[in-house]
C-alpha atoms as a PDB file:
ATOM      1  CA  MET A   1     -58.225 169.708  87.791  1.00  0.00           C
ATOM      2  CA  LEU A   2     -61.099 172.022  87.829  1.00  0.00           C
ATOM      3  CA  PRO A   3     -64.741 171.877  87.690  1.00  0.00           C
ATOM      4  CA  PRO A   4     -66.611 171.625  84.331  1.00  0.00           C
ATOM      5  CA  ARG A   5     -68.414 174.538  82.807  1.00  0.00           C
ATOM      6  CA  GLY A   6     -71.772 173.507  81.244  1.00  0.00           C
ATOM      7  CA  GLY A   7     -74.379 174.363  83.900  1.00  0.00           C
ATOM      8  CA  VAL A   8     -75.944 172.083  86.643  1.00  0.00           C
ATOM      9  CA  THR A   9     -76.299 169.061  85.109  1.00  0.00           C
ATOM     10  CA  SER A  10     -72.567 168.612  83.676  1.00  0.00           C
ATOM     11  CA  THR A  11     -71.576 169.865  87.273  1.00  0.00           C
ATOM     12  CA  MET A  12     -73.881 166.945  88.832  1.00  0.00           C
ATOM     13  CA  ALA A  13     -72.615 164.515  86.168  1.00  0.00           C
ATOM     14  CA  HIS A  14     -68.794 165.525  87.160  1.00  0.00           C
ATOM     15  CA  MET A  15     -69.343 165.081  90.886  1.00  0.00           C
ATOM     16  CA  ARG A  16     -71.002 161.301  90.184  1.00  0.00           C
ATOM     17  CA  THR A  17     -67.793 160.600  88.261  1.00  0.00           C
ATOM     18  CA  MET A  18     -65.264 161.737  91.197  1.00  0.00           C
ATOM     19  CA  ARG A  19     -67.646 159.675  93.719  1.00  0.00           C
ATOM     20  CA  LYS A  20     -67.311 156.617  91.556  1.00  0.00           C
ATOM     21  CA  ASP A  21     -63.634 157.062  90.959  1.00  0.00           C
ATOM     22  CA  ARG A  22     -63.048 157.932  94.785  1.00  0.00           C
ATOM     23  CA  ASP A  23     -64.943 154.782  95.693  1.00  0.00           C
ATOM     24  CA  THR A  24     -62.940 152.592  93.192  1.00  0.00           C
ATOM     25  CA  MET A  25     -59.997 153.651  94.596  1.00  0.00           C
ATOM     26  CA  ASN A  26     -61.050 153.060  98.090  1.00  0.00           C
ATOM     27  CA  GLN A  27     -61.981 149.352  97.220  1.00  0.00           C
ATOM     28  CA  THR A  28     -58.842 149.332  95.519  1.00  0.00           C
ATOM     29  CA  ILE A  29     -56.691 150.159  98.325  1.00  0.00           C
ATOM     30  CA  ASN A  30     -58.671 147.947 100.733  1.00  0.00           C
ATOM     31  CA  GLY A  31     -58.377 144.985  98.613  1.00  0.00           C
ATOM     32  CA  LEU A  32     -54.511 145.611  98.199  1.00  0.00           C
ATOM     33  CA  THR A  33     -54.211 146.227 102.004  1.00  0.00           C
ATOM     34  CA  SER A  34     -56.106 142.955 102.800  1.00  0.00           C
ATOM     35  CA  ILE A  35     -53.304 141.145 100.745  1.00  0.00           C
ATOM     36  CA  LEU A  36     -50.515 142.914 102.514  1.00  0.00           C
ATOM     37  CA  ASN A  37     -52.217 141.868 105.863  1.00  0.00           C
ATOM     38  CA  LYS A  38     -51.853 137.931 104.617  1.00  0.00           C
ATOM     39  CA  ALA A  39     -48.229 138.414 103.767  1.00  0.00           C
ATOM     40  CA  ASP A  40     -47.307 136.270 107.342  1.00  0.00           C
ATOM     41  CA  GLU A  41     -49.768 133.822 106.331  1.00  0.00           C
ATOM     42  CA  THR A  42     -48.472 133.706 102.711  1.00  0.00           C
ATOM     43  CA  TYR A  43     -44.733 132.734 103.871  1.00  0.00           C
ATOM     44  CA  GLU A  44     -46.250 130.117 106.515  1.00  0.00           C
ATOM     45  CA  THR A  45     -48.259 128.579 104.225  1.00  0.00           C
ATOM     46  CA  GLY A  46     -45.340 128.315 101.415  1.00  0.00           C
ATOM     47  CA  ASN A  47     -42.947 127.186 103.812  1.00  0.00           C
ATOM     48  CA  VAL A  48     -45.218 124.194 104.905  1.00  0.00           C
ATOM     49  CA  GLU A  49     -45.735 123.535 101.071  1.00  0.00           C
ATOM     50  CA  ILE A  50     -42.242 123.599 100.222  1.00  0.00           C
ATOM     51  CA  ASP A  51     -41.555 121.326 103.302  1.00  0.00           C
ATOM     52  CA  LYS A  52     -44.118 118.637 101.677  1.00  0.00           C
ATOM     53  CA  ALA A  53     -42.490 119.126  98.292  1.00  0.00           C
ATOM     54  CA  LEU A  54     -39.202 118.666  99.143  1.00  0.00           C
ATOM     55  CA  GLU A  55     -40.118 115.457 101.040  1.00  0.00           C
ATOM     56  CA  LYS A  56     -42.034 113.979  98.706  1.00  0.00           C
ATOM     57  CA  PHE A  57     -38.895 114.725  96.240  1.00  0.00           C
ATOM     58  CA  ALA A  58     -36.847 112.964  98.588  1.00  0.00           C
ATOM     59  CA  THR A  59     -39.136 109.867  99.038  1.00  0.00           C
ATOM     60  CA  GLY A  60     -39.674 109.754  95.446  1.00  0.00           C
ATOM     61  CA  LYS A  61     -35.852 109.933  94.580  1.00  0.00           C
ATOM     62  CA  ALA A  62     -34.912 107.368  97.221  1.00  0.00           C
ATOM     63  CA  ARG A  63     -37.155 104.803  95.458  1.00  0.00           C
ATOM     64  CA  LEU A  64     -35.387 104.658  92.215  1.00  0.00           C
ATOM     65  CA  PHE A  65     -32.460 103.175  94.226  1.00  0.00           C
ATOM     66  CA  ARG A  66     -32.254  99.783  95.837  1.00  0.00           C
ATOM     67  CA  ASP A  67     -30.752  99.385  99.392  1.00  0.00           C
ATOM     68  CA  ASP A  68     -27.334  98.592  97.822  1.00  0.00           C
ATOM     69  CA  GLY A  69     -27.522 102.153  96.197  1.00  0.00           C
ATOM     70  CA  SER A  70     -27.911 100.341  92.888  1.00  0.00           C
ATOM     71  CA  ALA A  71     -30.482 102.015  90.236  1.00  0.00           C
ATOM     72  CA  VAL A  72     -34.065  99.964  89.966  1.00  0.00           C
ATOM     73  CA  TYR A  73     -34.607 101.343  86.448  1.00  0.00           C
ATOM     74  CA  ALA A  74     -32.417 101.784  83.424  1.00  0.00           C
ATOM     75  CA  ASP A  75     -31.227 104.905  82.793  1.00  0.00           C
ATOM     76  CA  ALA A  76     -33.467 106.422  80.692  1.00  0.00           C
ATOM     77  CA  VAL A  77     -36.701 105.490  82.785  1.00  0.00           C
ATOM     78  CA  TYR A  78     -34.323 106.692  85.880  1.00  0.00           C
ATOM     79  CA  ARG A  79     -33.982 110.257  84.126  1.00  0.00           C
ATOM     80  CA  GLU A  80     -37.649 110.192  83.004  1.00  0.00           C
ATOM     81  CA  LYS A  81     -38.924 109.464  86.737  1.00  0.00           C
ATOM     82  CA  LEU A  82     -36.240 111.906  88.091  1.00  0.00           C
ATOM     83  CA  GLU A  83     -37.473 114.613  85.646  1.00  0.00           C
ATOM     84  CA  ALA A  84     -41.036 114.244  86.537  1.00  0.00           C
ATOM     85  CA  LEU A  85     -40.047 114.345  90.082  1.00  0.00           C
ATOM     86  CA  THR A  86     -38.221 117.578  89.369  1.00  0.00           C
ATOM     87  CA  ALA A  87     -40.967 119.180  87.536  1.00  0.00           C
ATOM     88  CA  GLU A  88     -43.519 118.719  90.229  1.00  0.00           C
ATOM     89  CA  LEU A  89     -40.778 120.187  92.949  1.00  0.00           C
ATOM     90  CA  HIS A  90     -40.315 123.200  90.573  1.00  0.00           C
ATOM     91  CA  SER A  91     -44.218 123.697  89.841  1.00  0.00           C
ATOM     92  CA  THR A  92     -44.669 123.976  93.908  1.00  0.00           C
ATOM     93  CA  ALA A  93     -41.776 126.330  94.115  1.00  0.00           C
ATOM     94  CA  GLY A  94     -43.021 128.477  91.125  1.00  0.00           C
ATOM     95  CA  ARG A  95     -46.215 128.574  92.988  1.00  0.00           C
ATOM     96  CA  VAL A  96     -45.031 129.737  96.586  1.00  0.00           C
ATOM     97  CA  VAL A  97     -42.409 132.071  94.599  1.00  0.00           C
ATOM     98  CA  ALA A  98     -45.034 133.711  92.871  1.00  0.00           C
ATOM     99  CA  GLY A  99     -47.174 134.330  96.181  1.00  0.00           C
ATOM    100  CA  ALA A 100     -44.338 136.265  97.379  1.00  0.00           C
ATOM    101  CA  GLU A 101     -44.193 138.074  94.220  1.00  0.00           C
ATOM    102  CA  ALA A 102     -48.001 139.211  94.751  1.00  0.00           C
ATOM    103  CA  GLN A 103     -46.775 140.596  98.044  1.00  0.00           C
ATOM    104  CA  ILE A 104     -44.092 142.990  95.733  1.00  0.00           C
ATOM    105  CA  ALA A 105     -46.295 143.898  93.162  1.00  0.00           C
ATOM    106  CA  THR A 106     -48.851 145.067  95.893  1.00  0.00           C
ATOM    107  CA  VAL A 107     -46.577 147.003  97.971  1.00  0.00           C
ATOM    108  CA  ASN A 108     -45.670 148.639  94.275  1.00  0.00           C
ATOM    109  CA  ARG A 109     -49.185 149.289  93.391  1.00  0.00           C
ATOM    110  CA  LEU A 110     -49.782 150.731  96.583  1.00  0.00           C
ATOM    111  CA  GLN A 111     -47.086 153.284  96.250  1.00  0.00           C
ATOM    112  CA  GLU A 112     -48.177 153.902  92.733  1.00  0.00           C
ATOM    113  CA  ILE A 113     -51.576 155.045  94.370  1.00  0.00           C
ATOM    114  CA  GLU A 114     -50.192 156.993  97.024  1.00  0.00           C
ATOM    115  CA  HIS A 115     -48.898 159.524  94.358  1.00  0.00           C
ATOM    116  CA  THR A 116     -52.391 159.842  92.964  1.00  0.00           C
ATOM    117  CA  ASP A 117     -53.632 163.682  92.921  1.00  0.00           C
ATOM    118  CA  PRO A 118     -55.973 163.973  96.031  1.00  0.00           C
ATOM    119  CA  ILE A 119     -57.875 166.511  94.472  1.00  0.00           C
ATOM    120  CA  GLY A 120     -60.626 163.882  93.738  1.00  0.00           C
ATOM    121  CA  ASN A 121     -61.602 164.561  97.802  1.00  0.00           C
ATOM    122  CA  LEU A 122     -62.262 167.815  97.247  1.00  0.00           C
ATOM    123  CA  SER A 123     -65.922 168.935  96.464  1.00  0.00           C
ATOM    124  CA  LEU A 124     -66.441 171.142  93.406  1.00  0.00           C
ATOM    125  CA  ASP A 125     -66.443 174.335  95.481  1.00  0.00           C
ATOM    126  CA  GLN A 126     -63.512 173.305  97.509  1.00  0.00           C
ATOM    127  CA  GLN A 127     -61.623 172.512  94.059  1.00  0.00           C
ATOM    128  CA  GLN A 128     -62.569 176.200  93.065  1.00  0.00           C
ATOM    129  CA  GLN A 129     -61.341 177.913  96.289  1.00  0.00           C
ATOM    130  CA  ALA A 130     -57.994 175.662  95.685  1.00  0.00           C
ATOM    131  CA  SER A 131     -57.532 176.803  92.154  1.00  0.00           C
ATOM    132  CA  ALA A 132     -57.825 180.384  93.481  1.00  0.00           C
ATOM    133  CA  ARG A 133     -55.328 180.134  96.139  1.00  0.00           C
ATOM    134  CA  ALA A 134     -52.914 177.529  94.457  1.00  0.00           C
ATOM    135  CA  GLY A 135     -50.461 180.302  93.445  1.00  0.00           C
ATOM    136  CA  PHE A 136     -50.216 182.074  96.699  1.00  0.00           C
ATOM    137  CA  VAL A 137     -49.603 178.734  98.765  1.00  0.00           C
ATOM    138  CA  LYS A 138     -47.039 177.585  96.759  1.00  0.00           C
ATOM    139  CA  GLU A 139     -45.082 180.541  96.629  1.00  0.00           C
ATOM    140  CA  ASP A 140     -44.750 180.308 100.287  1.00  0.00           C
ATOM    141  CA  ALA A 141     -44.311 176.886 100.481  1.00  0.00           C
ATOM    142  CA  MET A 142     -41.168 177.231  97.930  1.00  0.00           C
ATOM    143  CA  LEU A 143     -39.862 179.960  99.584  1.00  0.00           C
ATOM    144  CA  LEU A 144     -40.319 179.643 103.310  1.00  0.00           C
ATOM    145  CA  SER A 145     -37.086 178.197 105.341  1.00  0.00           C
ATOM    146  CA  LEU A 146     -37.872 174.467 105.973  1.00  0.00           C
ATOM    147  CA  PRO A 147     -38.139 175.311 109.982  1.00  0.00           C
ATOM    148  CA  ASP A 148     -40.771 178.121 109.044  1.00  0.00           C
ATOM    149  CA  LEU A 149     -42.567 175.698 106.618  1.00  0.00           C
ATOM    150  CA  THR A 150     -42.806 173.061 109.130  1.00  0.00           C
ATOM    151  CA  ARG A 151     -44.447 175.667 111.767  1.00  0.00           C
ATOM    152  CA  ARG A 152     -46.810 176.738 109.167  1.00  0.00           C
ATOM    153  CA  LEU A 153     -47.917 173.313 108.247  1.00  0.00           C
ATOM    154  CA  VAL A 154     -48.327 172.688 112.058  1.00  0.00           C
ATOM    155  CA  GLY A 155     -50.324 175.904 112.166  1.00  0.00           C
ATOM    156  CA  VAL A 156     -52.559 174.902 109.092  1.00  0.00           C
ATOM    157  CA  GLY A 157     -53.388 171.464 110.953  1.00  0.00           C
ATOM    158  CA  ALA A 158     -54.207 172.943 114.400  1.00  0.00           C
ATOM    159  CA  ALA A 159     -56.759 175.546 112.670  1.00  0.00           C
ATOM    160  CA  GLY A 160     -58.861 172.506 111.773  1.00  0.00           C
ATOM    161  CA  LYS A 161     -59.504 170.147 109.326  1.00  0.00           C
ATOM    162  CA  GLU A 162     -60.190 172.494 106.532  1.00  0.00           C
ATOM    163  CA  LYS A 163     -59.564 170.635 103.332  1.00  0.00           C
ATOM    164  CA  VAL A 164     -58.493 173.129 101.110  1.00  0.00           C
ATOM    165  CA  ASP A 165     -55.510 174.111 102.884  1.00  0.00           C
ATOM    166  CA  ALA A 166     -54.667 170.676 103.885  1.00  0.00           C
ATOM    167  CA  TYR A 167     -54.699 169.932 100.155  1.00  0.00           C
ATOM    168  CA  LEU A 168     -52.453 172.806  99.002  1.00  0.00           C
ATOM    169  CA  TRP A 169     -49.972 173.009 101.919  1.00  0.00           C
ATOM    170  CA  SER A 170     -49.337 169.172 101.664  1.00  0.00           C
ATOM    171  CA  ARG A 171     -49.184 169.177  98.076  1.00  0.00           C
ATOM    172  CA  TYR A 172     -46.681 171.942  97.734  1.00  0.00           C
ATOM    173  CA  SER A 173     -44.803 171.124 100.672  1.00  0.00           C
ATOM    174  CA  ARG A 174     -44.026 167.614  98.942  1.00  0.00           C
ATOM    175  CA  GLN A 175     -43.025 169.715  95.949  1.00  0.00           C
ATOM    176  CA  ARG A 176     -40.551 171.767  97.880  1.00  0.00           C
ATOM    177  CA  ILE A 177     -39.026 168.461  99.760  1.00  0.00           C
ATOM    178  CA  GLU A 178     -38.564 167.203  96.222  1.00  0.00           C
ATOM    179  CA  ALA A 179     -37.081 170.081  95.060  1.00  0.00           C
ATOM    180  CA  GLU A 180     -34.475 170.533  98.207  1.00  0.00           C
ATOM    181  CA  ARG A 181     -33.471 166.832  97.148  1.00  0.00           C
ATOM    182  CA  THR A 182     -33.286 167.246  93.659  1.00  0.00           C
ATOM    183  CA  GLN A 183     -31.047 170.491  93.983  1.00  0.00           C
ATOM    184  CA  ARG A 184     -28.715 168.404  96.248  1.00  0.00           C
ATOM    185  CA  GLU A 185     -28.114 165.736  93.852  1.00  0.00           C
ATOM    186  CA  GLU A 186     -27.900 167.966  90.793  1.00  0.00           C
ATOM    187  CA  SER A 187     -25.079 169.984  92.923  1.00  0.00           C
ATOM    188  CA  GLY A 188     -23.409 167.103  93.978  1.00  0.00           C
ATOM    189  CA  ARG A 189     -24.015 167.798  97.771  1.00  0.00           C
ATOM    190  CA  PRO A 190     -25.476 165.246  99.963  1.00  0.00           C
ATOM    191  CA  LEU A 191     -28.117 166.184 102.225  1.00  0.00           C
ATOM    192  CA  ASP A 192     -26.407 167.313 105.393  1.00  0.00           C
ATOM    193  CA  PRO A 193     -27.790 165.942 108.568  1.00  0.00           C
ATOM    194  CA  THR A 194     -29.365 169.258 109.734  1.00  0.00           C
ATOM    195  CA  THR A 195     -31.367 169.463 106.450  1.00  0.00           C
ATOM    196  CA  ARG A 196     -32.255 165.733 106.658  1.00  0.00           C
ATOM    197  CA  ALA A 197     -33.612 166.639 110.137  1.00  0.00           C
ATOM    198  CA  GLN A 198     -35.622 169.524 109.134  1.00  0.00           C
ATOM    199  CA  ILE A 199     -37.070 167.471 106.116  1.00  0.00           C
ATOM    200  CA  THR A 200     -38.327 164.992 108.639  1.00  0.00           C
ATOM    201  CA  SER A 201     -40.340 167.536 110.533  1.00  0.00           C
ATOM    202  CA  VAL A 202     -41.921 168.617 107.511  1.00  0.00           C
ATOM    203  CA  ILE A 203     -43.128 165.325 106.811  1.00  0.00           C
ATOM    204  CA  ASP A 204     -44.297 164.453 109.945  1.00  0.00           C
ATOM    205  CA  ALA A 205     -46.298 167.991 109.485  1.00  0.00           C
ATOM    206  CA  ILE A 206     -47.748 166.724 106.372  1.00  0.00           C
ATOM    207  CA  THR A 207     -48.766 163.513 107.444  1.00  0.00           C
ATOM    208  CA  PRO A 208     -51.840 164.681 109.411  1.00  0.00           C
ATOM    209  CA  LEU A 209     -52.679 167.108 106.622  1.00  0.00           C
ATOM    210  CA  GLU A 210     -52.960 164.022 104.123  1.00  0.00           C
ATOM    211  CA  ALA A 211     -55.033 162.279 106.650  1.00  0.00           C
ATOM    212  CA  ALA A 212     -57.490 164.779 106.733  1.00  0.00           C
ATOM    213  CA  LEU A 213     -57.708 164.383 103.212  1.00  0.00           C
ATOM    214  CA  GLY A 214     -57.916 160.478 103.249  1.00  0.00           C
ATOM    215  CA  SER A 215     -54.619 160.466 101.306  1.00  0.00           C
ATOM    216  CA  SER A 216     -52.081 159.372 103.803  1.00  0.00           C
ATOM    217  CA  PRO A 217     -50.287 156.510 102.256  1.00  0.00           C
ATOM    218  CA  ALA A 218     -50.954 152.754 103.381  1.00  0.00           C
ATOM    219  CA  LEU A 219     -47.198 152.365 103.477  1.00  0.00           C
ATOM    220  CA  THR A 220     -44.606 154.504 104.158  1.00  0.00           C
ATOM    221  CA  LYS A 221     -41.484 154.037 101.820  1.00  0.00           C
ATOM    222  CA  GLY A 222     -39.523 152.613 104.786  1.00  0.00           C
ATOM    223  CA  GLN A 223     -42.250 149.759 105.264  1.00  0.00           C
ATOM    224  CA  ALA A 224     -42.746 149.314 101.357  1.00  0.00           C
ATOM    225  CA  ALA A 225     -38.765 148.630 101.684  1.00  0.00           C
ATOM    226  CA  GLN A 226     -39.022 146.209 104.285  1.00  0.00           C
ATOM    227  CA  ARG A 227     -41.981 144.422 102.953  1.00  0.00           C
ATOM    228  CA  ILE A 228     -40.134 144.214  99.593  1.00  0.00           C
ATOM    229  CA  ALA A 229     -37.288 142.741 101.214  1.00  0.00           C
ATOM    230  CA  ALA A 230     -39.042 140.367 103.341  1.00  0.00           C
ATOM    231  CA  ALA A 231     -40.637 139.024 100.151  1.00  0.00           C
ATOM    232  CA  ARG A 232     -37.164 138.828  98.251  1.00  0.00           C
ATOM    233  CA  ARG A 233     -35.732 136.737 101.217  1.00  0.00           C
ATOM    234  CA  PHE A 234     -38.193 134.232 101.376  1.00  0.00           C
ATOM    235  CA  GLN A 235     -37.982 133.475  97.341  1.00  0.00           C
ATOM    236  CA  GLN A 236     -34.445 133.534  97.838  1.00  0.00           C
ATOM    237  CA  GLY A 237     -34.737 130.668 100.581  1.00  0.00           C
ATOM    238  CA  VAL A 238     -37.281 128.999  98.709  1.00  0.00           C
ATOM    239  CA  ARG A 239     -34.821 128.645  95.788  1.00  0.00           C
ATOM    240  CA  SER A 240     -31.870 127.609  97.901  1.00  0.00           C
ATOM    241  CA  ARG A 241     -33.797 124.779  99.304  1.00  0.00           C
ATOM    242  CA  VAL A 242     -34.800 123.555  96.233  1.00  0.00           C
ATOM    243  CA  GLY A 243     -31.656 124.015  94.732  1.00  0.00           C
ATOM    244  CA  ASP A 244     -29.950 121.894  97.479  1.00  0.00           C
ATOM    245  CA  VAL A 245     -31.536 118.851  96.638  1.00  0.00           C
ATOM    246  CA  ASP A 246     -32.669 119.169  92.620  1.00  0.00           C
ATOM    247  CA  GLY A 247     -29.123 118.931  91.276  1.00  0.00           C
ATOM    248  CA  ALA A 248     -29.157 122.758  90.374  1.00  0.00           C
ATOM    249  CA  LYS A 249     -26.144 124.083  92.879  1.00  0.00           C
ATOM    250  CA  GLU A 250     -24.168 120.997  92.318  1.00  0.00           C
ATOM    251  CA  GLY A 251     -24.474 121.385  88.439  1.00  0.00           C
ATOM    252  CA  MET A 252     -23.219 124.885  88.707  1.00  0.00           C
ATOM    253  CA  VAL A 253     -20.394 123.940  90.989  1.00  0.00           C
ATOM    254  CA  ARG A 254     -19.384 121.702  88.399  1.00  0.00           C
ATOM    255  CA  ALA A 255     -19.466 124.149  85.663  1.00  0.00           C
ATOM    256  CA  MET A 256     -17.634 126.688  87.581  1.00  0.00           C
ATOM    257  CA  LEU A 257     -14.768 124.067  88.218  1.00  0.00           C
ATOM    258  CA  ARG A 258     -15.038 123.230  84.523  1.00  0.00           C
ATOM    259  CA  THR A 259     -14.465 126.817  83.273  1.00  0.00           C
ATOM    260  CA  GLY A 260     -11.955 127.859  86.030  1.00  0.00           C
ATOM    261  CA  ARG A 261     -14.505 130.545  87.570  1.00  0.00           C
ATOM    262  CA  TYR A 262     -14.519 128.422  90.918  1.00  0.00           C
ATOM    263  CA  ALA A 263     -11.030 129.337  91.533  1.00  0.00           C
ATOM    264  CA  ASN A 264     -11.232 132.644  91.033  1.00  0.00           C
ATOM    265  CA  LEU A 265     -14.192 133.459  93.345  1.00  0.00           C
END
């Protein structure tokens, strides 16, 4: 994105807009990060809620029977009361599962923000410099061998926190990595260990440059995957515990026995 033409007034307006957008983005990231930082608390609270809900369900269901095992109520009333107990249990479980789903949505949103172009962190003068030098940096980033690219990136970082170079080299080095991966995928040749190690070195050299821009990701891809997996495991655990008592698993097994699917598993 190049600065607008139209004199000092339009330039000043453009800079104010950029600052506002950047501040809004930072506020969004801080808010999302705060949600992630409460993941353990979310799961711990959720487990306590499920414990209480399951205990309440078991107690309520037990009261539907006498000590000798006979039903206290007629069938219609029994079903009505059991459905009410089950609905309350499912409501609590749904709320708890939704808390974990919010963690997943937060991770996905942070990953989307990670791909936002950090050029907004450059001043108008820096954007003009970047525009003038982009072609030269892109050519080098695409043609250098991966080890040479790593050395160049390290050199850029060692030269100081010059935002224009940090922006250009991190941007086009990322594109180079994606080009390498795409080329291998299209040719049906997986990345060999040497190339994977070289790509890792390039990424390690890019990270300080992105940090200098204030655009380093809040989560690495590995961290994001781990958080999503943890949330899914938590959700699965909640559903399994509820299924153990609400008759869902038992009904599924009966249906499988009836259709013959169970024997095929």
